[in-house]
Amino acid sequence: MTSENEVSTVRSSDLSHATWRKSSRSNHGAEGDCVEVAGLGDEVALRDSKNFSGPVLAITRAEWRSFLGGIRAGEFS
């Protein structure tokens, strides 16, 4: 579990069974800019779809729901 200002790290062994998915609205152009998401028990992992072996950000499911709520409310527009 992470505190409010702490980022969780995910070991590669924890990701071996992760099922990554990306939005159907992601950019399918030449750049392919998108983020992939995987559920990991109590956490949600995020990574750059172009860099499978790169860093992974893990946040709690509550933080994920809050982030999605902010998107829906237009907080990032």
PDB file of N, CA and C in Angstrom:
ATOM      1  N   MET A   1       0.848  -1.172   0.000  1.00  0.00           N
ATOM      2  CA  MET A   1       0.000   0.000   0.000  1.00  0.00           C
ATOM      3  C   MET A   1       0.889   1.228   0.000  1.00  0.00           C
ATOM      4  N   THR A   2       0.480   2.274  -0.682  1.00  0.00           N
ATOM      5  CA  THR A   2       1.281   3.483  -0.779  1.00  0.00           C
ATOM      6  C   THR A   2       0.634   4.613  -0.002  1.00  0.00           C
ATOM      7  N   SER A   3       1.461   5.526   0.502  1.00  0.00           N
ATOM      8  CA  SER A   3       0.925   6.715   1.145  1.00  0.00           C
ATOM      9  C   SER A   3       0.586   7.727   0.071  1.00  0.00           C
ATOM     10  N   GLU A   4       0.044   8.860   0.484  1.00  0.00           N
ATOM     11  CA  GLU A   4      -0.456   9.848  -0.477  1.00  0.00           C
ATOM     12  C   GLU A   4       0.589  10.319  -1.476  1.00  0.00           C
ATOM     13  N   ASN A   5       1.827  10.523  -1.043  1.00  0.00           N
ATOM     14  CA  ASN A   5       2.867  11.055  -1.923  1.00  0.00           C
ATOM     15  C   ASN A   5       3.954  10.043  -2.239  1.00  0.00           C
ATOM     16  N   GLU A   6       3.654   8.766  -2.123  1.00  0.00           N
ATOM     17  CA  GLU A   6       4.635   7.714  -2.338  1.00  0.00           C
ATOM     18  C   GLU A   6       4.249   6.899  -3.567  1.00  0.00           C
ATOM     19  N   VAL A   7       5.217   6.573  -4.379  1.00  0.00           N
ATOM     20  CA  VAL A   7       4.973   5.761  -5.569  1.00  0.00           C
ATOM     21  C   VAL A   7       5.441   4.348  -5.287  1.00  0.00           C
ATOM     22  N   SER A   8       4.606   3.393  -5.596  1.00  0.00           N
ATOM     23  CA  SER A   8       4.940   1.995  -5.384  1.00  0.00           C
ATOM     24  C   SER A   8       5.815   1.502  -6.534  1.00  0.00           C
ATOM     25  N   THR A   9       6.768   0.657  -6.215  1.00  0.00           N
ATOM     26  CA  THR A   9       7.569   0.027  -7.256  1.00  0.00           C
ATOM     27  C   THR A   9       7.069  -1.395  -7.460  1.00  0.00           C
ATOM     28  N   VAL A  10       7.199  -1.895  -8.657  1.00  0.00           N
ATOM     29  CA  VAL A  10       6.740  -3.232  -8.993  1.00  0.00           C
ATOM     30  C   VAL A  10       7.925  -4.022  -9.499  1.00  0.00           C
ATOM     31  N   ARG A  11       8.178  -5.177  -8.907  1.00  0.00           N
ATOM     32  CA  ARG A  11       9.260  -6.038  -9.382  1.00  0.00           C
ATOM     33  C   ARG A  11       8.803  -6.750 -10.645  1.00  0.00           C
ATOM     34  N   SER A  12       9.725  -7.041 -11.524  1.00  0.00           N
ATOM     35  CA  SER A  12       9.375  -7.687 -12.783  1.00  0.00           C
ATOM     36  C   SER A  12       8.686  -9.025 -12.565  1.00  0.00           C
ATOM     37  N   SER A  13       9.025  -9.743 -11.497  1.00  0.00           N
ATOM     38  CA  SER A  13       8.373 -11.021 -11.235  1.00  0.00           C
ATOM     39  C   SER A  13       6.888 -10.830 -10.928  1.00  0.00           C
ATOM     40  N   ASP A  14       6.524  -9.682 -10.362  1.00  0.00           N
ATOM     41  CA  ASP A  14       5.132  -9.381 -10.066  1.00  0.00           C
ATOM     42  C   ASP A  14       4.335  -9.154 -11.341  1.00  0.00           C
ATOM     43  N   LEU A  15       5.002  -8.857 -12.444  1.00  0.00           N
ATOM     44  CA  LEU A  15       4.342  -8.536 -13.704  1.00  0.00           C
ATOM     45  C   LEU A  15       4.248  -9.722 -14.651  1.00  0.00           C
ATOM     46  N   SER A  16       4.803 -10.851 -14.255  1.00  0.00           N
ATOM     47  CA  SER A  16       4.860 -11.985 -15.166  1.00  0.00           C
ATOM     48  C   SER A  16       3.484 -12.487 -15.593  1.00  0.00           C
ATOM     49  N   HIS A  17       2.482 -12.290 -14.770  1.00  0.00           N
ATOM     50  CA  HIS A  17       1.133 -12.741 -15.111  1.00  0.00           C
ATOM     51  C   HIS A  17       0.192 -11.580 -15.429  1.00  0.00           C
ATOM     52  N   ALA A  18       0.746 -10.392 -15.565  1.00  0.00           N
ATOM     53  CA  ALA A  18      -0.082  -9.219 -15.850  1.00  0.00           C
ATOM     54  C   ALA A  18      -0.674  -9.313 -17.252  1.00  0.00           C
ATOM     55  N   THR A  19      -1.932  -8.934 -17.366  1.00  0.00           N
ATOM     56  CA  THR A  19      -2.581  -8.844 -18.669  1.00  0.00           C
ATOM     57  C   THR A  19      -2.729  -7.358 -18.982  1.00  0.00           C
ATOM     58  N   TRP A  20      -1.898  -6.884 -19.896  1.00  0.00           N
ATOM     59  CA  TRP A  20      -1.872  -5.474 -20.238  1.00  0.00           C
ATOM     60  C   TRP A  20      -2.949  -5.165 -21.263  1.00  0.00           C
ATOM     61  N   ARG A  21      -3.572  -4.001 -21.122  1.00  0.00           N
ATOM     62  CA  ARG A  21      -4.584  -3.573 -22.094  1.00  0.00           C
ATOM     63  C   ARG A  21      -4.448  -2.073 -22.302  1.00  0.00           C
ATOM     64  N   LYS A  22      -4.933  -1.633 -23.464  1.00  0.00           N
ATOM     65  CA  LYS A  22      -4.934  -0.196 -23.727  1.00  0.00           C
ATOM     66  C   LYS A  22      -6.287   0.194 -24.279  1.00  0.00           C
ATOM     67  N   SER A  23      -6.587   1.447 -24.174  1.00  0.00           N
ATOM     68  CA  SER A  23      -7.884   1.962 -24.580  1.00  0.00           C
ATOM     69  C   SER A  23      -8.111   1.786 -26.070  1.00  0.00           C
ATOM     70  N   SER A  24      -9.352   1.509 -26.425  1.00  0.00           N
ATOM     71  CA  SER A  24      -9.708   1.449 -27.845  1.00  0.00           C
ATOM     72  C   SER A  24      -9.624   2.832 -28.470  1.00  0.00           C
ATOM     73  N   ARG A  25      -9.538   3.856 -27.646  1.00  0.00           N
ATOM     74  CA  ARG A  25      -9.409   5.238 -28.137  1.00  0.00           C
ATOM     75  C   ARG A  25      -7.958   5.696 -28.220  1.00  0.00           C
ATOM     76  N   SER A  26      -7.033   4.794 -27.964  1.00  0.00           N
ATOM     77  CA  SER A  26      -5.627   5.174 -28.004  1.00  0.00           C
ATOM     78  C   SER A  26      -5.227   5.555 -29.425  1.00  0.00           C
ATOM     79  N   ASN A  27      -4.148   6.282 -29.533  1.00  0.00           N
ATOM     80  CA  ASN A  27      -3.649   6.764 -30.817  1.00  0.00           C
ATOM     81  C   ASN A  27      -3.049   5.594 -31.589  1.00  0.00           C
ATOM     82  N   HIS A  28      -3.675   5.212 -32.682  1.00  0.00           N
ATOM     83  CA  HIS A  28      -3.167   4.097 -33.495  1.00  0.00           C
ATOM     84  C   HIS A  28      -2.331   4.575 -34.676  1.00  0.00           C
ATOM     85  N   GLY A  29      -1.939   5.838 -34.676  1.00  0.00           N
ATOM     86  CA  GLY A  29      -1.146   6.380 -35.774  1.00  0.00           C
ATOM     87  C   GLY A  29       0.284   5.890 -35.731  1.00  0.00           C
ATOM     88  N   ALA A  30       1.129   6.537 -36.500  1.00  0.00           N
ATOM     89  CA  ALA A  30       2.531   6.129 -36.611  1.00  0.00           C
ATOM     90  C   ALA A  30       3.249   6.183 -35.266  1.00  0.00           C
ATOM     91  N   GLU A  31       2.901   7.153 -34.447  1.00  0.00           N
ATOM     92  CA  GLU A  31       3.555   7.304 -33.153  1.00  0.00           C
ATOM     93  C   GLU A  31       3.078   6.256 -32.149  1.00  0.00           C
ATOM     94  N   GLY A  32       1.813   5.893 -32.187  1.00  0.00           N
ATOM     95  CA  GLY A  32       1.288   4.891 -31.268  1.00  0.00           C
ATOM     96  C   GLY A  32       1.377   5.297 -29.812  1.00  0.00           C
ATOM     97  N   ASP A  33       1.178   6.590 -29.534  1.00  0.00           N
ATOM     98  CA  ASP A  33       1.293   7.089 -28.171  1.00  0.00           C
ATOM     99  C   ASP A  33       0.138   6.601 -27.310  1.00  0.00           C
ATOM    100  N   CYS A  34       0.436   5.720 -26.362  1.00  0.00           N
ATOM    101  CA  CYS A  34      -0.603   5.291 -25.445  1.00  0.00           C
ATOM    102  C   CYS A  34       0.022   4.649 -24.209  1.00  0.00           C
ATOM    103  N   VAL A  35      -0.808   4.483 -23.219  1.00  0.00           N
ATOM    104  CA  VAL A  35      -0.417   3.875 -21.963  1.00  0.00           C
ATOM    105  C   VAL A  35      -1.172   2.563 -21.839  1.00  0.00           C
ATOM    106  N   GLU A  36      -0.509   1.557 -21.330  1.00  0.00           N
ATOM    107  CA  GLU A  36      -1.159   0.270 -21.069  1.00  0.00           C
ATOM    108  C   GLU A  36      -1.397   0.141 -19.572  1.00  0.00           C
ATOM    109  N   VAL A  37      -2.457  -0.572 -19.229  1.00  0.00           N
ATOM    110  CA  VAL A  37      -2.874  -0.725 -17.844  1.00  0.00           C
ATOM    111  C   VAL A  37      -3.042  -2.210 -17.539  1.00  0.00           C
ATOM    112  N   ALA A  38      -2.662  -2.615 -16.332  1.00  0.00           N
ATOM    113  CA  ALA A  38      -2.865  -3.996 -15.885  1.00  0.00           C
ATOM    114  C   ALA A  38      -3.294  -3.989 -14.427  1.00  0.00           C
ATOM    115  N   GLY A  39      -4.306  -4.780 -14.102  1.00  0.00           N
ATOM    116  CA  GLY A  39      -4.720  -4.933 -12.718  1.00  0.00           C
ATOM    117  C   GLY A  39      -3.788  -5.893 -12.002  1.00  0.00           C
ATOM    118  N   LEU A  40      -3.347  -5.510 -10.812  1.00  0.00           N
ATOM    119  CA  LEU A  40      -2.433  -6.337 -10.019  1.00  0.00           C
ATOM    120  C   LEU A  40      -2.964  -6.446  -8.595  1.00  0.00           C
ATOM    121  N   GLY A  41      -4.012  -7.175  -8.399  1.00  0.00           N
ATOM    122  CA  GLY A  41      -4.579  -7.304  -7.054  1.00  0.00           C
ATOM    123  C   GLY A  41      -5.116  -5.980  -6.564  1.00  0.00           C
ATOM    124  N   ASP A  42      -4.489  -5.430  -5.526  1.00  0.00           N
ATOM    125  CA  ASP A  42      -4.936  -4.164  -4.945  1.00  0.00           C
ATOM    126  C   ASP A  42      -4.396  -2.948  -5.684  1.00  0.00           C
ATOM    127  N   GLU A  43      -3.581  -3.167  -6.700  1.00  0.00           N
ATOM    128  CA  GLU A  43      -2.966  -2.057  -7.422  1.00  0.00           C
ATOM    129  C   GLU A  43      -3.281  -2.124  -8.913  1.00  0.00           C
ATOM    130  N   VAL A  44      -3.018  -1.011  -9.576  1.00  0.00           N
ATOM    131  CA  VAL A  44      -3.117  -0.907 -11.028  1.00  0.00           C
ATOM    132  C   VAL A  44      -1.744  -0.469 -11.519  1.00  0.00           C
ATOM    133  N   ALA A  45      -1.212  -1.177 -12.512  1.00  0.00           N
ATOM    134  CA  ALA A  45       0.095  -0.848 -13.069  1.00  0.00           C
ATOM    135  C   ALA A  45      -0.091  -0.150 -14.408  1.00  0.00           C
ATOM    136  N   LEU A  46       0.763   0.831 -14.687  1.00  0.00           N
ATOM    137  CA  LEU A  46       0.716   1.578 -15.941  1.00  0.00           C
ATOM    138  C   LEU A  46       2.105   1.584 -16.563  1.00  0.00           C
ATOM    139  N   ARG A  47       2.148   1.467 -17.902  1.00  0.00           N
ATOM    140  CA  ARG A  47       3.431   1.511 -18.606  1.00  0.00           C
ATOM    141  C   ARG A  47       3.236   2.120 -19.994  1.00  0.00           C
ATOM    142  N   ASP A  48       4.329   2.546 -20.574  1.00  0.00           N
ATOM    143  CA  ASP A  48       4.345   3.067 -21.938  1.00  0.00           C
ATOM    144  C   ASP A  48       4.242   1.879 -22.893  1.00  0.00           C
ATOM    145  N   SER A  49       3.276   1.913 -23.795  1.00  0.00           N
ATOM    146  CA  SER A  49       3.060   0.774 -24.694  1.00  0.00           C
ATOM    147  C   SER A  49       4.220   0.547 -25.664  1.00  0.00           C
ATOM    148  N   LYS A  50       5.063   1.560 -25.862  1.00  0.00           N
ATOM    149  CA  LYS A  50       6.195   1.412 -26.777  1.00  0.00           C
ATOM    150  C   LYS A  50       7.452   0.907 -26.065  1.00  0.00           C
ATOM    151  N   ASN A  51       7.377   0.788 -24.741  1.00  0.00           N
ATOM    152  CA  ASN A  51       8.560   0.407 -23.966  1.00  0.00           C
ATOM    153  C   ASN A  51       8.173  -0.670 -22.952  1.00  0.00           C
ATOM    154  N   PHE A  52       7.949  -1.889 -23.454  1.00  0.00           N
ATOM    155  CA  PHE A  52       7.472  -2.988 -22.614  1.00  0.00           C
ATOM    156  C   PHE A  52       8.373  -3.279 -21.425  1.00  0.00           C
ATOM    157  N   SER A  53       9.660  -3.117 -21.590  1.00  0.00           N
ATOM    158  CA  SER A  53      10.588  -3.434 -20.505  1.00  0.00           C
ATOM    159  C   SER A  53      10.977  -2.216 -19.690  1.00  0.00           C
ATOM    160  N   GLY A  54      10.337  -1.085 -19.959  1.00  0.00           N
ATOM    161  CA  GLY A  54      10.642   0.145 -19.238  1.00  0.00           C
ATOM    162  C   GLY A  54       9.982   0.213 -17.872  1.00  0.00           C
ATOM    163  N   PRO A  55      10.033   1.378 -17.259  1.00  0.00           N
ATOM    164  CA  PRO A  55       9.484   1.531 -15.910  1.00  0.00           C
ATOM    165  C   PRO A  55       7.970   1.344 -15.875  1.00  0.00           C
ATOM    166  N   VAL A  56       7.493   0.906 -14.727  1.00  0.00           N
ATOM    167  CA  VAL A  56       6.067   0.689 -14.492  1.00  0.00           C
ATOM    168  C   VAL A  56       5.669   1.494 -13.268  1.00  0.00           C
ATOM    169  N   LEU A  57       4.583   2.219 -13.375  1.00  0.00           N
ATOM    170  CA  LEU A  57       4.029   2.966 -12.253  1.00  0.00           C
ATOM    171  C   LEU A  57       2.891   2.144 -11.668  1.00  0.00           C
ATOM    172  N   ALA A  58       2.916   1.906 -10.369  1.00  0.00           N
ATOM    173  CA  ALA A  58       1.844   1.164  -9.705  1.00  0.00           C
ATOM    174  C   ALA A  58       1.149   2.085  -8.716  1.00  0.00           C
ATOM    175  N   ILE A  59      -0.168   2.156  -8.821  1.00  0.00           N
ATOM    176  CA  ILE A  59      -0.967   2.976  -7.924  1.00  0.00           C
ATOM    177  C   ILE A  59      -2.098   2.116  -7.357  1.00  0.00           C
ATOM    178  N   THR A  60      -2.691   2.574  -6.281  1.00  0.00           N
ATOM    179  CA  THR A  60      -3.786   1.808  -5.692  1.00  0.00           C
ATOM    180  C   THR A  60      -5.021   1.920  -6.583  1.00  0.00           C
ATOM    181  N   ARG A  61      -5.938   0.996  -6.411  1.00  0.00           N
ATOM    182  CA  ARG A  61      -7.189   1.055  -7.171  1.00  0.00           C
ATOM    183  C   ARG A  61      -7.979   2.317  -6.827  1.00  0.00           C
ATOM    184  N   ALA A  62      -7.904   2.772  -5.592  1.00  0.00           N
ATOM    185  CA  ALA A  62      -8.585   4.014  -5.196  1.00  0.00           C
ATOM    186  C   ALA A  62      -7.982   5.206  -5.943  1.00  0.00           C
ATOM    187  N   GLU A  63      -6.661   5.229  -6.066  1.00  0.00           N
ATOM    188  CA  GLU A  63      -6.005   6.313  -6.819  1.00  0.00           C
ATOM    189  C   GLU A  63      -6.396   6.251  -8.291  1.00  0.00           C
ATOM    190  N   TRP A  64      -6.498   5.058  -8.850  1.00  0.00           N
ATOM    191  CA  TRP A  64      -6.900   4.876 -10.246  1.00  0.00           C
ATOM    192  C   TRP A  64      -8.316   5.399 -10.458  1.00  0.00           C
ATOM    193  N   ARG A  65      -9.241   5.035  -9.558  1.00  0.00           N
ATOM    194  CA  ARG A  65     -10.624   5.518  -9.668  1.00  0.00           C
ATOM    195  C   ARG A  65     -10.675   7.033  -9.572  1.00  0.00           C
ATOM    196  N   SER A  66      -9.882   7.607  -8.693  1.00  0.00           N
ATOM    197  CA  SER A  66      -9.833   9.066  -8.559  1.00  0.00           C
ATOM    198  C   SER A  66      -9.304   9.715  -9.836  1.00  0.00           C
ATOM    199  N   PHE A  67      -8.264   9.139 -10.412  1.00  0.00           N
ATOM    200  CA  PHE A  67      -7.699   9.639 -11.667  1.00  0.00           C
ATOM    201  C   PHE A  67      -8.745   9.597 -12.783  1.00  0.00           C
ATOM    202  N   LEU A  68      -9.429   8.461 -12.933  1.00  0.00           N
ATOM    203  CA  LEU A  68     -10.456   8.344 -13.968  1.00  0.00           C
ATOM    204  C   LEU A  68     -11.593   9.314 -13.731  1.00  0.00           C
ATOM    205  N   GLY A  69     -11.967   9.506 -12.473  1.00  0.00           N
ATOM    206  CA  GLY A  69     -13.003  10.481 -12.150  1.00  0.00           C
ATOM    207  C   GLY A  69     -12.590  11.889 -12.553  1.00  0.00           C
ATOM    208  N   GLY A  70     -11.331  12.231 -12.341  1.00  0.00           N
ATOM    209  CA  GLY A  70     -10.816  13.529 -12.748  1.00  0.00           C
ATOM    210  C   GLY A  70     -10.840  13.714 -14.258  1.00  0.00           C
ATOM    211  N   ILE A  71     -10.535  12.643 -14.989  1.00  0.00           N
ATOM    212  CA  ILE A  71     -10.599  12.714 -16.449  1.00  0.00           C
ATOM    213  C   ILE A  71     -12.038  12.974 -16.889  1.00  0.00           C
ATOM    214  N   ARG A  72     -12.973  12.209 -16.328  1.00  0.00           N
ATOM    215  CA  ARG A  72     -14.381  12.356 -16.696  1.00  0.00           C
ATOM    216  C   ARG A  72     -14.928  13.733 -16.350  1.00  0.00           C
ATOM    217  N   ALA A  73     -14.395  14.325 -15.278  1.00  0.00           N
ATOM    218  CA  ALA A  73     -14.849  15.651 -14.843  1.00  0.00           C
ATOM    219  C   ALA A  73     -14.153  16.786 -15.597  1.00  0.00           C
ATOM    220  N   GLY A  74     -13.214  16.443 -16.480  1.00  0.00           N
ATOM    221  CA  GLY A  74     -12.525  17.453 -17.273  1.00  0.00           C
ATOM    222  C   GLY A  74     -11.426  18.183 -16.516  1.00  0.00           C
ATOM    223  N   GLU A  75     -10.930  17.596 -15.443  1.00  0.00           N
ATOM    224  CA  GLU A  75      -9.894  18.255 -14.643  1.00  0.00           C
ATOM    225  C   GLU A  75      -8.559  18.396 -15.367  1.00  0.00           C
ATOM    226  N   PHE A  76      -8.340  17.642 -16.422  1.00  0.00           N
ATOM    227  CA  PHE A  76      -7.056  17.672 -17.122  1.00  0.00           C
ATOM    228  C   PHE A  76      -7.155  18.296 -18.501  1.00  0.00           C
ATOM    229  N   SER A  77      -8.283  18.902 -18.799  1.00  0.00           N
ATOM    230  CA  SER A  77      -8.473  19.506 -20.126  1.00  0.00           C
ATOM    231  C   SER A  77      -7.850  20.874 -20.201  1.00  0.00           C
TER     232      SER A  77
END
